[in-house]
Amino acid sequence: MTEPSEDRVKVFASVIAYAPVLVIRVGVAYLRIKRRVRKTAKSFERGMLSRGMSPEVARKLTISWEGDLRTRTLLNRLTGGTFPRGGSW
């Protein structure tokens, strides 16, 4: 039977080997979703403008709706609002 430290090394090595693949998959999925949100936001804004809403209000609503997929917003939701803001990285 192998020692526990050898098992840990194997697990760690497999995690390290798979991490780049996971990062790439998540990144591609995020970019696809972001593109769909942008397209839908444009359609959303055009629909409001075609029905007579003022451009300023339509733009504010569109920005608010589209902002829910910002990276900072997502990270704040995942971390419970503890993600640092501004230059405090």
C-alpha atoms as a PDB file:
ATOM      1  CA  MET A   1       0.000   0.000   0.000  1.00  0.00           C
ATOM      2  CA  THR A   2       1.242   3.490  -0.768  1.00  0.00           C
ATOM      3  CA  GLU A   3       2.014   6.019   1.880  1.00  0.00           C
ATOM      4  CA  PRO A   4      -0.485   8.833   2.512  1.00  0.00           C
ATOM      5  CA  SER A   5       2.052  11.413   1.380  1.00  0.00           C
ATOM      6  CA  GLU A   6       2.387   9.678  -1.996  1.00  0.00           C
ATOM      7  CA  ASP A   7      -1.392   9.724  -2.425  1.00  0.00           C
ATOM      8  CA  ARG A   8      -1.463  13.423  -1.639  1.00  0.00           C
ATOM      9  CA  VAL A   9       1.230  14.085  -4.200  1.00  0.00           C
ATOM     10  CA  LYS A  10      -0.719  12.158  -6.851  1.00  0.00           C
ATOM     11  CA  VAL A  11      -3.917  14.044  -6.068  1.00  0.00           C
ATOM     12  CA  PHE A  12      -2.097  17.366  -6.073  1.00  0.00           C
ATOM     13  CA  ALA A  13      -0.408  16.560  -9.385  1.00  0.00           C
ATOM     14  CA  SER A  14      -3.698  15.597 -11.014  1.00  0.00           C
ATOM     15  CA  VAL A  15      -5.356  18.797  -9.773  1.00  0.00           C
ATOM     16  CA  ILE A  16      -2.473  20.889 -11.084  1.00  0.00           C
ATOM     17  CA  ALA A  17      -2.618  19.081 -14.422  1.00  0.00           C
ATOM     18  CA  TYR A  18      -6.361  19.672 -14.825  1.00  0.00           C
ATOM     19  CA  ALA A  19      -6.473  23.292 -13.552  1.00  0.00           C
ATOM     20  CA  PRO A  20      -5.518  24.986 -16.857  1.00  0.00           C
ATOM     21  CA  VAL A  21      -8.189  23.020 -18.714  1.00  0.00           C
ATOM     22  CA  LEU A  22     -10.783  24.033 -16.158  1.00  0.00           C
ATOM     23  CA  VAL A  23      -9.748  27.698 -16.300  1.00  0.00           C
ATOM     24  CA  ILE A  24      -9.972  27.721 -20.091  1.00  0.00           C
ATOM     25  CA  ARG A  25     -13.394  26.050 -20.096  1.00  0.00           C
ATOM     26  CA  VAL A  26     -14.799  28.439 -17.515  1.00  0.00           C
ATOM     27  CA  GLY A  27     -13.296  31.428 -19.353  1.00  0.00           C
ATOM     28  CA  VAL A  28     -14.785  30.396 -22.690  1.00  0.00           C
ATOM     29  CA  ALA A  29     -18.185  29.779 -21.114  1.00  0.00           C
ATOM     30  CA  TYR A  30     -18.061  33.186 -19.414  1.00  0.00           C
ATOM     31  CA  LEU A  31     -17.185  34.954 -22.670  1.00  0.00           C
ATOM     32  CA  ARG A  32     -20.038  33.213 -24.498  1.00  0.00           C
ATOM     33  CA  ILE A  33     -22.509  34.260 -21.828  1.00  0.00           C
ATOM     34  CA  LYS A  34     -21.164  37.812 -21.831  1.00  0.00           C
ATOM     35  CA  ARG A  35     -21.586  38.012 -25.633  1.00  0.00           C
ATOM     36  CA  ARG A  36     -25.178  36.790 -25.372  1.00  0.00           C
ATOM     37  CA  VAL A  37     -25.900  39.343 -22.663  1.00  0.00           C
ATOM     38  CA  ARG A  38     -24.518  42.166 -24.832  1.00  0.00           C
ATOM     39  CA  LYS A  39     -26.629  41.104 -27.811  1.00  0.00           C
ATOM     40  CA  THR A  40     -29.721  40.772 -25.675  1.00  0.00           C
ATOM     41  CA  ALA A  41     -29.063  44.118 -24.011  1.00  0.00           C
ATOM     42  CA  LYS A  42     -28.898  45.822 -27.392  1.00  0.00           C
ATOM     43  CA  SER A  43     -32.190  44.218 -28.362  1.00  0.00           C
ATOM     44  CA  PHE A  44     -33.677  45.214 -25.000  1.00  0.00           C
ATOM     45  CA  GLU A  45     -32.610  48.827 -25.452  1.00  0.00           C
ATOM     46  CA  ARG A  46     -33.863  48.976 -29.062  1.00  0.00           C
ATOM     47  CA  GLY A  47     -37.220  47.630 -27.937  1.00  0.00           C
ATOM     48  CA  MET A  48     -37.583  50.305 -25.263  1.00  0.00           C
ATOM     49  CA  LEU A  49     -36.578  53.049 -27.693  1.00  0.00           C
ATOM     50  CA  SER A  50     -39.004  51.808 -30.357  1.00  0.00           C
ATOM     51  CA  ARG A  51     -41.841  52.020 -27.844  1.00  0.00           C
ATOM     52  CA  GLY A  52     -41.106  55.651 -27.039  1.00  0.00           C
ATOM     53  CA  MET A  53     -38.911  55.527 -23.936  1.00  0.00           C
ATOM     54  CA  SER A  54     -36.395  58.338 -23.640  1.00  0.00           C
ATOM     55  CA  PRO A  55     -32.856  57.366 -24.660  1.00  0.00           C
ATOM     56  CA  GLU A  56     -31.409  58.339 -21.267  1.00  0.00           C
ATOM     57  CA  VAL A  57     -33.798  56.134 -19.292  1.00  0.00           C
ATOM     58  CA  ALA A  58     -33.461  53.257 -21.755  1.00  0.00           C
ATOM     59  CA  ARG A  59     -29.666  53.426 -21.512  1.00  0.00           C
ATOM     60  CA  LYS A  60     -29.721  53.503 -17.698  1.00  0.00           C
ATOM     61  CA  LEU A  61     -32.006  50.483 -17.565  1.00  0.00           C
ATOM     62  CA  THR A  62     -29.873  48.623 -20.088  1.00  0.00           C
ATOM     63  CA  ILE A  63     -26.661  49.328 -18.181  1.00  0.00           C
ATOM     64  CA  SER A  64     -28.285  48.224 -14.939  1.00  0.00           C
ATOM     65  CA  TRP A  65     -29.567  45.010 -16.491  1.00  0.00           C
ATOM     66  CA  GLU A  66     -26.300  44.249 -18.258  1.00  0.00           C
ATOM     67  CA  GLY A  67     -24.257  45.020 -15.148  1.00  0.00           C
ATOM     68  CA  ASP A  68     -25.448  41.901 -13.381  1.00  0.00           C
ATOM     69  CA  LEU A  69     -22.867  39.880 -15.307  1.00  0.00           C
ATOM     70  CA  ARG A  70     -19.867  42.042 -14.506  1.00  0.00           C
ATOM     71  CA  THR A  71     -16.942  40.125 -13.071  1.00  0.00           C
ATOM     72  CA  ARG A  72     -16.869  42.210  -9.896  1.00  0.00           C
ATOM     73  CA  THR A  73     -20.612  41.681  -9.338  1.00  0.00           C
ATOM     74  CA  LEU A  74     -20.258  37.925  -9.779  1.00  0.00           C
ATOM     75  CA  LEU A  75     -17.272  37.746  -7.442  1.00  0.00           C
ATOM     76  CA  ASN A  76     -19.071  39.821  -4.811  1.00  0.00           C
ATOM     77  CA  ARG A  77     -22.004  37.425  -4.957  1.00  0.00           C
ATOM     78  CA  LEU A  78     -19.718  34.400  -4.695  1.00  0.00           C
ATOM     79  CA  THR A  79     -17.714  35.827  -1.793  1.00  0.00           C
ATOM     80  CA  GLY A  80     -20.619  37.387   0.068  1.00  0.00           C
ATOM     81  CA  GLY A  81     -19.535  40.933  -0.725  1.00  0.00           C
ATOM     82  CA  THR A  82     -15.991  40.572   0.594  1.00  0.00           C
ATOM     83  CA  PHE A  83     -14.270  41.035  -2.767  1.00  0.00           C
ATOM     84  CA  PRO A  84     -11.963  44.093  -2.525  1.00  0.00           C
ATOM     85  CA  ARG A  85     -12.937  47.268  -4.333  1.00  0.00           C
ATOM     86  CA  GLY A  86     -10.826  49.869  -6.047  1.00  0.00           C
ATOM     87  CA  GLY A  87      -7.059  49.834  -5.619  1.00  0.00           C
ATOM     88  CA  SER A  88      -6.993  47.591  -2.548  1.00  0.00           C
ATOM     89  CA  TRP A  89      -5.827  44.533  -4.484  1.00  0.00           C
END
